[in-house]
């Protein structure tokens, strides 16, 4: 099995409802998102999945959140835009794009250089 990954980023504001600490106030991050695919085999060129295609697919999801207040955008108008929920929501948005020998392995969301959450189902 091959695992390939791309890393993209977006800038956004958010706040955590009911948190009870400083993150309950509106603040911003440059979120780094790492998307990993699992691939069972290589194509005739010797690649598991085209990085250019994967970057485009990731940016189609991230683009609608860039320079926004996450709390105002579905699904984060209903659930807290925590790194955990962001990773899970992005996973759900990206998963349908892959099938067959290529599947989504995980989505990792970094909200600072020291703090991240990774979502992998199961």
N, C-alpha and C. Protein backbone atom coordinates (compact mmCIF):
# COMPACT_ATOMS: atom_id res chain seq x y z
N UNK A 1 0.84 -1.18 0.00
CA UNK A 1 0.00 0.00 0.00
C UNK A 1 0.88 1.24 0.00
N UNK A 2 0.44 2.24 -0.74
CA UNK A 2 1.14 3.52 -0.80
C UNK A 2 0.29 4.57 -0.09
N UNK A 3 0.93 5.46 0.62
CA UNK A 3 0.27 6.62 1.22
C UNK A 3 0.91 7.85 0.59
N UNK A 4 0.08 8.69 0.01
CA UNK A 4 0.59 9.96 -0.51
C UNK A 4 -0.15 11.08 0.21
N UNK A 5 0.47 12.24 0.28
CA UNK A 5 -0.14 13.34 1.03
C UNK A 5 0.15 14.67 0.35
N UNK A 6 -0.77 15.59 0.51
CA UNK A 6 -0.55 16.99 0.13
C UNK A 6 -0.90 17.85 1.33
N UNK A 7 -0.27 19.00 1.37
CA UNK A 7 -0.47 19.96 2.45
C UNK A 7 -0.89 21.28 1.83
N UNK A 8 -1.99 21.83 2.30
CA UNK A 8 -2.47 23.13 1.86
C UNK A 8 -2.85 23.92 3.12
N UNK A 9 -3.08 25.21 2.95
CA UNK A 9 -3.48 26.01 4.10
C UNK A 9 -4.56 27.00 3.70
N UNK A 10 -5.23 27.50 4.74
CA UNK A 10 -6.22 28.55 4.55
C UNK A 10 -6.26 29.37 5.83
N UNK A 11 -6.68 30.61 5.70
CA UNK A 11 -6.79 31.52 6.83
C UNK A 11 -8.26 31.71 7.17
N UNK A 12 -8.59 31.60 8.45
CA UNK A 12 -9.98 31.76 8.86
C UNK A 12 -10.05 32.13 10.33
N UNK A 13 -11.20 32.70 10.68
CA UNK A 13 -11.50 33.01 12.08
C UNK A 13 -12.51 31.99 12.59
N UNK A 14 -12.51 31.82 13.90
CA UNK A 14 -13.52 30.97 14.53
C UNK A 14 -13.55 31.27 16.02
N UNK A 15 -14.54 30.70 16.67
CA UNK A 15 -14.62 30.72 18.12
C UNK A 15 -15.31 29.43 18.54
N UNK A 16 -15.01 28.99 19.75
CA UNK A 16 -15.56 27.73 20.25
C UNK A 16 -16.66 28.01 21.26
N UNK A 17 -17.88 27.75 20.86
CA UNK A 17 -19.04 27.96 21.72
C UNK A 17 -18.94 27.06 22.95
N UNK A 18 -19.18 27.62 24.12
CA UNK A 18 -19.21 26.84 25.34
C UNK A 18 -17.86 26.38 25.85
N UNK A 19 -16.80 26.89 25.30
CA UNK A 19 -15.45 26.45 25.66
C UNK A 19 -15.05 26.89 27.07
N UNK A 20 -15.45 28.10 27.43
CA UNK A 20 -15.14 28.59 28.77
C UNK A 20 -13.73 29.12 28.93
N UNK A 21 -13.04 29.38 27.87
CA UNK A 21 -11.68 29.93 27.92
C UNK A 21 -11.48 30.93 26.81
N UNK A 22 -10.24 31.31 26.61
CA UNK A 22 -9.96 32.38 25.64
C UNK A 22 -10.37 32.02 24.22
N UNK A 23 -10.44 30.74 23.87
CA UNK A 23 -10.83 30.34 22.51
C UNK A 23 -12.33 30.51 22.26
N UNK A 24 -13.07 30.91 23.30
CA UNK A 24 -14.48 31.20 23.11
C UNK A 24 -14.66 32.57 22.44
N UNK A 25 -13.60 33.36 22.41
CA UNK A 25 -13.63 34.66 21.73
C UNK A 25 -13.16 34.47 20.29
N UNK A 26 -13.67 35.32 19.41
CA UNK A 26 -13.30 35.28 18.00
C UNK A 26 -11.78 35.46 17.86
N UNK A 27 -11.15 34.56 17.11
CA UNK A 27 -9.72 34.63 16.86
C UNK A 27 -9.43 33.91 15.54
N UNK A 28 -8.24 34.08 15.02
CA UNK A 28 -7.92 33.51 13.72
C UNK A 28 -6.73 32.59 13.74
N UNK A 29 -6.64 31.79 12.68
CA UNK A 29 -5.53 30.86 12.49
C UNK A 29 -5.19 30.79 11.01
N UNK A 30 -3.97 30.42 10.72
CA UNK A 30 -3.62 29.90 9.41
C UNK A 30 -3.67 28.39 9.61
N UNK A 31 -4.76 27.79 9.17
CA UNK A 31 -4.94 26.35 9.30
C UNK A 31 -4.12 25.64 8.22
N UNK A 32 -3.37 24.65 8.63
CA UNK A 32 -2.66 23.79 7.69
C UNK A 32 -3.44 22.48 7.63
N UNK A 33 -3.70 22.00 6.43
CA UNK A 33 -4.47 20.78 6.24
C UNK A 33 -3.62 19.79 5.46
N UNK A 34 -3.47 18.59 6.00
CA UNK A 34 -2.73 17.52 5.34
C UNK A 34 -3.73 16.43 4.99
N UNK A 35 -3.83 16.13 3.71
CA UNK A 35 -4.75 15.10 3.24
C UNK A 35 -3.92 13.92 2.74
N UNK A 36 -4.24 12.73 3.25
CA UNK A 36 -3.51 11.52 2.88
C UNK A 36 -4.43 10.55 2.15
N UNK A 37 -3.93 10.03 1.04
CA UNK A 37 -4.63 8.98 0.30
C UNK A 37 -3.91 7.66 0.48
N UNK A 38 -4.66 6.58 0.44
CA UNK A 38 -4.07 5.24 0.44
C UNK A 38 -4.36 4.63 -0.93
N UNK A 39 -3.33 4.09 -1.52
CA UNK A 39 -3.44 3.56 -2.88
C UNK A 39 -2.85 2.16 -2.91
N UNK A 40 -3.59 1.24 -3.51
CA UNK A 40 -3.14 -0.15 -3.55
C UNK A 40 -2.11 -0.43 -4.62
N UNK A 41 -2.10 0.38 -5.67
CA UNK A 41 -1.15 0.11 -6.75
C UNK A 41 -0.79 1.39 -7.48
N UNK A 42 0.26 1.31 -8.25
CA UNK A 42 0.72 2.43 -9.07
C UNK A 42 0.12 2.32 -10.46
N UNK A 43 -0.04 3.46 -11.12
CA UNK A 43 -0.53 3.43 -12.50
C UNK A 43 0.63 3.11 -13.45
N UNK A 44 0.35 3.15 -14.73
CA UNK A 44 1.35 2.79 -15.73
C UNK A 44 2.55 3.74 -15.75
N UNK A 45 2.39 4.94 -15.19
CA UNK A 45 3.48 5.92 -15.12
C UNK A 45 4.33 5.69 -13.88
N UNK A 46 3.78 4.95 -12.92
CA UNK A 46 4.50 4.69 -11.68
C UNK A 46 4.12 5.60 -10.54
N UNK A 47 2.91 6.19 -10.62
CA UNK A 47 2.45 7.04 -9.52
C UNK A 47 1.15 6.47 -8.95
N UNK A 48 0.94 6.72 -7.68
CA UNK A 48 -0.27 6.25 -7.02
C UNK A 48 -1.46 7.15 -7.34
N UNK A 49 -1.25 8.45 -7.31
CA UNK A 49 -2.30 9.44 -7.58
C UNK A 49 -1.61 10.74 -7.93
N UNK A 50 -2.14 11.46 -8.88
CA UNK A 50 -1.52 12.70 -9.34
C UNK A 50 -1.63 13.78 -8.27
N UNK A 51 -0.48 14.27 -7.80
CA UNK A 51 -0.49 15.33 -6.78
C UNK A 51 -1.25 16.56 -7.24
N UNK A 52 -1.15 16.90 -8.52
CA UNK A 52 -1.85 18.08 -9.05
C UNK A 52 -3.36 17.91 -8.89
N UNK A 53 -3.86 16.74 -9.21
CA UNK A 53 -5.30 16.49 -9.06
C UNK A 53 -5.71 16.54 -7.59
N UNK A 54 -4.90 15.95 -6.73
CA UNK A 54 -5.23 15.95 -5.30
C UNK A 54 -5.23 17.36 -4.73
N UNK A 55 -4.24 18.17 -5.10
CA UNK A 55 -4.20 19.57 -4.62
C UNK A 55 -5.44 20.33 -5.07
N UNK A 56 -5.86 20.13 -6.32
CA UNK A 56 -7.05 20.80 -6.83
C UNK A 56 -8.28 20.37 -6.04
N UNK A 57 -8.43 19.07 -5.79
CA UNK A 57 -9.58 18.57 -5.05
C UNK A 57 -9.61 19.12 -3.62
N UNK A 58 -8.45 19.19 -2.99
CA UNK A 58 -8.38 19.74 -1.63
C UNK A 58 -8.75 21.21 -1.64
N UNK A 59 -8.25 21.97 -2.59
CA UNK A 59 -8.54 23.41 -2.63
C UNK A 59 -10.01 23.69 -2.95
N UNK A 60 -10.68 22.78 -3.66
CA UNK A 60 -12.11 22.96 -3.90
C UNK A 60 -12.88 22.93 -2.58
N UNK A 61 -12.42 22.14 -1.64
CA UNK A 61 -13.07 22.08 -0.32
C UNK A 61 -12.62 23.27 0.53
N UNK A 62 -11.31 23.48 0.62
CA UNK A 62 -10.80 24.53 1.51
C UNK A 62 -11.17 25.93 1.05
N UNK A 63 -11.30 26.13 -0.24
CA UNK A 63 -11.53 27.46 -0.80
C UNK A 63 -12.73 28.18 -0.23
N UNK A 64 -13.79 27.44 0.08
CA UNK A 64 -14.99 28.12 0.58
C UNK A 64 -14.83 28.59 2.03
N UNK A 65 -13.79 28.11 2.72
CA UNK A 65 -13.56 28.49 4.12
C UNK A 65 -12.50 29.57 4.27
N UNK A 66 -11.74 29.83 3.21
CA UNK A 66 -10.63 30.77 3.29
C UNK A 66 -11.13 32.19 3.55
N UNK A 67 -10.53 32.85 4.53
CA UNK A 67 -10.86 34.23 4.92
C UNK A 67 -12.33 34.39 5.30
N UNK A 68 -12.85 33.39 6.02
CA UNK A 68 -14.23 33.41 6.49
C UNK A 68 -14.23 33.22 8.01
N UNK A 69 -15.35 33.52 8.61
CA UNK A 69 -15.60 33.12 10.00
C UNK A 69 -16.26 31.75 9.92
N UNK A 70 -15.55 30.72 10.34
CA UNK A 70 -16.04 29.36 10.18
C UNK A 70 -17.39 29.13 10.83
N UNK A 71 -17.64 29.81 11.93
CA UNK A 71 -18.90 29.65 12.65
C UNK A 71 -20.12 30.05 11.83
N UNK A 72 -19.91 30.75 10.74
CA UNK A 72 -21.01 31.22 9.90
C UNK A 72 -21.26 30.32 8.70
N UNK A 73 -20.46 29.25 8.54
CA UNK A 73 -20.54 28.39 7.36
C UNK A 73 -20.89 26.97 7.78
N UNK A 74 -21.79 26.35 7.02
CA UNK A 74 -22.17 24.96 7.25
C UNK A 74 -20.94 24.06 7.14
N UNK A 75 -20.73 23.12 8.02
CA UNK A 75 -21.58 22.68 9.12
C UNK A 75 -21.27 23.37 10.45
N UNK A 76 -20.33 24.33 10.42
CA UNK A 76 -19.85 24.91 11.68
C UNK A 76 -20.79 25.97 12.24
N UNK A 77 -21.86 26.25 11.54
CA UNK A 77 -22.91 27.07 12.12
C UNK A 77 -23.74 26.24 13.11
N UNK A 78 -23.56 24.89 13.06
CA UNK A 78 -24.29 23.99 13.96
C UNK A 78 -23.37 23.28 14.95
N UNK A 79 -22.14 23.00 14.55
CA UNK A 79 -21.17 22.34 15.43
C UNK A 79 -19.96 23.24 15.58
N UNK A 80 -19.23 23.10 16.67
CA UNK A 80 -18.05 23.92 16.89
C UNK A 80 -16.98 23.65 15.83
N UNK A 81 -16.34 24.71 15.34
CA UNK A 81 -15.26 24.54 14.38
C UNK A 81 -13.93 24.23 15.09
N UNK A 82 -13.94 23.18 15.87
CA UNK A 82 -12.71 22.71 16.50
C UNK A 82 -11.85 22.04 15.42
N UNK A 83 -10.59 21.88 15.67
CA UNK A 83 -9.72 21.19 14.70
C UNK A 83 -10.24 19.78 14.42
N UNK A 84 -10.76 19.11 15.46
CA UNK A 84 -11.30 17.77 15.29
C UNK A 84 -12.49 17.77 14.33
N UNK A 85 -13.43 18.71 14.55
CA UNK A 85 -14.61 18.78 13.68
C UNK A 85 -14.26 19.24 12.28
N UNK A 86 -13.28 20.12 12.15
CA UNK A 86 -12.84 20.55 10.82
C UNK A 86 -12.26 19.37 10.06
N UNK A 87 -11.40 18.59 10.71
CA UNK A 87 -10.80 17.43 10.06
C UNK A 87 -11.87 16.44 9.62
N UNK A 88 -12.84 16.16 10.47
CA UNK A 88 -13.91 15.23 10.14
C UNK A 88 -14.78 15.75 8.99
N UNK A 89 -15.13 17.02 9.03
CA UNK A 89 -15.97 17.61 7.97
C UNK A 89 -15.24 17.60 6.63
N UNK A 90 -13.96 17.94 6.64
CA UNK A 90 -13.20 17.93 5.39
C UNK A 90 -13.07 16.50 4.86
N UNK A 91 -12.89 15.54 5.75
CA UNK A 91 -12.83 14.14 5.34
C UNK A 91 -14.14 13.77 4.62
N UNK A 92 -15.26 14.11 5.24
CA UNK A 92 -16.56 13.81 4.65
C UNK A 92 -16.77 14.47 3.30
N UNK A 93 -16.25 15.68 3.14
CA UNK A 93 -16.39 16.39 1.87
C UNK A 93 -15.50 15.79 0.78
N UNK A 94 -14.34 15.29 1.16
CA UNK A 94 -13.39 14.76 0.17
C UNK A 94 -13.62 13.29 -0.17
N UNK A 95 -14.12 12.51 0.76
CA UNK A 95 -14.21 11.06 0.58
C UNK A 95 -14.91 10.61 -0.70
N UNK A 96 -16.02 11.23 -1.11
CA UNK A 96 -16.72 10.75 -2.31
C UNK A 96 -15.89 10.85 -3.60
N UNK A 97 -14.83 11.62 -3.60
CA UNK A 97 -14.02 11.79 -4.81
C UNK A 97 -13.13 10.58 -5.11
N UNK A 98 -13.04 9.63 -4.18
CA UNK A 98 -12.10 8.53 -4.34
C UNK A 98 -12.82 7.18 -4.27
N UNK A 99 -12.36 6.26 -5.11
CA UNK A 99 -12.95 4.92 -5.12
C UNK A 99 -11.96 3.93 -5.73
N UNK A 100 -12.33 2.69 -5.70
CA UNK A 100 -11.48 1.66 -6.30
C UNK A 100 -10.20 1.46 -5.52
N UNK A 101 -9.08 1.53 -6.22
CA UNK A 101 -7.78 1.29 -5.60
C UNK A 101 -7.26 2.48 -4.81
N UNK A 102 -7.98 3.61 -4.85
CA UNK A 102 -7.55 4.81 -4.13
C UNK A 102 -8.64 5.25 -3.16
N UNK A 103 -8.26 5.43 -1.91
CA UNK A 103 -9.20 5.88 -0.91
C UNK A 103 -8.59 6.94 -0.01
N UNK A 104 -9.44 7.68 0.63
CA UNK A 104 -8.98 8.70 1.57
C UNK A 104 -8.52 8.00 2.85
N UNK A 105 -7.31 8.26 3.28
CA UNK A 105 -6.78 7.66 4.51
C UNK A 105 -7.10 8.53 5.72
N UNK A 106 -6.75 9.82 5.64
CA UNK A 106 -6.94 10.70 6.80
C UNK A 106 -6.85 12.16 6.39
N UNK A 107 -7.38 12.99 7.26
CA UNK A 107 -7.26 14.44 7.12
C UNK A 107 -6.74 14.96 8.46
N UNK A 108 -5.69 15.74 8.39
CA UNK A 108 -5.04 16.31 9.56
C UNK A 108 -5.16 17.83 9.49
N UNK A 109 -5.59 18.45 10.56
CA UNK A 109 -5.75 19.91 10.61
C UNK A 109 -4.88 20.47 11.72
N UNK A 110 -3.98 21.37 11.33
CA UNK A 110 -3.09 22.06 12.28
C UNK A 110 -3.62 23.47 12.46
N UNK A 111 -3.85 23.87 13.71
CA UNK A 111 -4.26 25.25 13.97
C UNK A 111 -3.12 26.10 14.48
N UNK A 112 -2.01 25.46 14.82
CA UNK A 112 -0.79 26.16 15.21
C UNK A 112 0.37 25.23 14.89
N UNK A 113 1.60 25.73 14.96
CA UNK A 113 2.74 24.83 14.70
C UNK A 113 2.86 23.67 15.68
N UNK A 114 2.18 23.76 16.83
CA UNK A 114 2.29 22.72 17.85
C UNK A 114 1.03 21.90 18.07
N UNK A 115 -0.09 22.24 17.41
CA UNK A 115 -1.36 21.62 17.76
C UNK A 115 -2.12 21.17 16.51
N UNK A 116 -2.49 19.88 16.50
CA UNK A 116 -3.26 19.38 15.35
C UNK A 116 -4.21 18.29 15.80
N UNK A 117 -5.15 18.00 14.90
CA UNK A 117 -6.06 16.88 15.07
C UNK A 117 -6.09 16.11 13.76
N UNK A 118 -6.10 14.79 13.86
CA UNK A 118 -6.17 13.93 12.69
C UNK A 118 -7.46 13.14 12.74
N UNK A 119 -8.18 13.10 11.62
CA UNK A 119 -9.39 12.27 11.54
C UNK A 119 -9.15 11.14 10.56
N UNK A 120 -9.42 9.94 11.04
CA UNK A 120 -9.38 8.71 10.23
C UNK A 120 -10.54 7.86 10.74
N UNK A 121 -11.48 7.49 9.87
CA UNK A 121 -12.63 6.72 10.37
C UNK A 121 -12.20 5.36 10.90
N UNK A 122 -13.04 4.84 11.79
CA UNK A 122 -12.78 3.53 12.36
C UNK A 122 -11.95 3.67 13.56
